[in-house]
Amino acid sequence: MEIEDKNGKNTHIIPGHYLLFVGFMFLGIAIGKLLGSVSIGTLVGMGLGFVAWGITTSIAKKNDK
């Protein structure tokens, strides 16, 4: 799914990417709860979510060419 911005460029915003980020965040919370530090688990989950988001966005951009 592509969304065009004001200049007519594709922004490659895919709704599933947000779910991927939030899913990693909650996974990090769960792991952090098991290890005893929810805040560290949340930060690690958010970091992994951003990395996964970037990877899937770059794959989506390559497939559009």
Protein backbone atom coordinates (compact mmCIF):
# COMPACT_ATOMS: atom_id res chain seq x y z
CA MET A 1 0.00 0.00 0.00
CA GLU A 2 1.37 3.38 -0.95
CA ILE A 3 0.27 6.80 0.16
CA GLU A 4 1.16 9.89 -1.85
CA ASP A 5 2.27 13.05 -0.12
CA LYS A 6 1.52 16.62 -1.27
CA ASN A 7 4.18 16.48 -3.98
CA GLY A 8 2.88 13.22 -5.46
CA LYS A 9 5.74 11.11 -4.10
CA ASN A 10 5.09 7.68 -2.65
CA THR A 11 5.82 7.56 1.07
CA HIS A 12 5.72 3.75 1.52
CA ILE A 13 3.66 3.93 4.69
CA ILE A 14 2.24 0.48 5.32
CA PRO A 15 -0.19 0.12 8.25
CA GLY A 16 1.29 -3.26 9.17
CA HIS A 17 4.60 -1.59 9.98
CA TYR A 18 3.01 0.20 12.95
CA LEU A 19 1.67 -3.11 14.21
CA LEU A 20 5.14 -4.61 13.84
CA PHE A 21 6.64 -1.83 15.96
CA VAL A 22 3.96 -2.07 18.66
CA GLY A 23 4.22 -5.87 18.68
CA PHE A 24 7.97 -5.72 19.31
CA MET A 25 7.38 -3.15 22.05
CA PHE A 26 4.93 -5.43 23.87
CA LEU A 27 7.24 -8.39 23.36
CA GLY A 28 10.00 -6.36 25.00
CA ILE A 29 7.67 -5.50 27.90
CA ALA A 30 6.88 -9.19 28.41
CA ILE A 31 10.54 -10.21 28.31
CA GLY A 32 11.45 -7.33 30.62
CA LYS A 33 8.75 -8.39 33.06
CA LEU A 34 10.21 -11.89 33.15
CA LEU A 35 13.70 -10.52 33.73
CA GLY A 36 12.58 -7.95 36.30
CA SER A 37 13.07 -4.69 34.38
CA VAL A 38 10.05 -3.63 32.34
CA SER A 39 11.56 -0.27 31.35
CA ILE A 40 14.68 -1.84 29.83
CA GLY A 41 12.55 -4.45 28.07
CA THR A 42 10.36 -1.71 26.60
CA LEU A 43 13.38 0.21 25.30
CA VAL A 44 14.90 -2.93 23.78
CA GLY A 45 11.55 -3.84 22.21
CA MET A 46 11.18 -0.35 20.75
CA GLY A 47 14.70 -0.51 19.34
CA LEU A 48 14.04 -3.87 17.71
CA GLY A 49 10.72 -2.54 16.41
CA PHE A 50 12.43 0.41 14.73
CA VAL A 51 15.02 -1.89 13.15
CA ALA A 52 12.31 -4.25 11.86
CA TRP A 53 10.31 -1.27 10.60
CA GLY A 54 13.32 0.04 8.69
CA ILE A 55 14.07 -3.36 7.16
CA THR A 56 10.49 -3.92 5.99
CA THR A 57 10.29 -0.37 4.60
CA SER A 58 13.50 -0.84 2.61
CA ILE A 59 12.18 -4.15 1.25
CA ALA A 60 8.94 -2.42 0.22
CA LYS A 61 10.90 0.32 -1.58
CA LYS A 62 13.05 -2.23 -3.45
CA ASN A 63 9.96 -4.16 -4.58
CA ASP A 64 8.41 -1.00 -6.07
CA LYS A 65 11.26 -0.48 -8.56
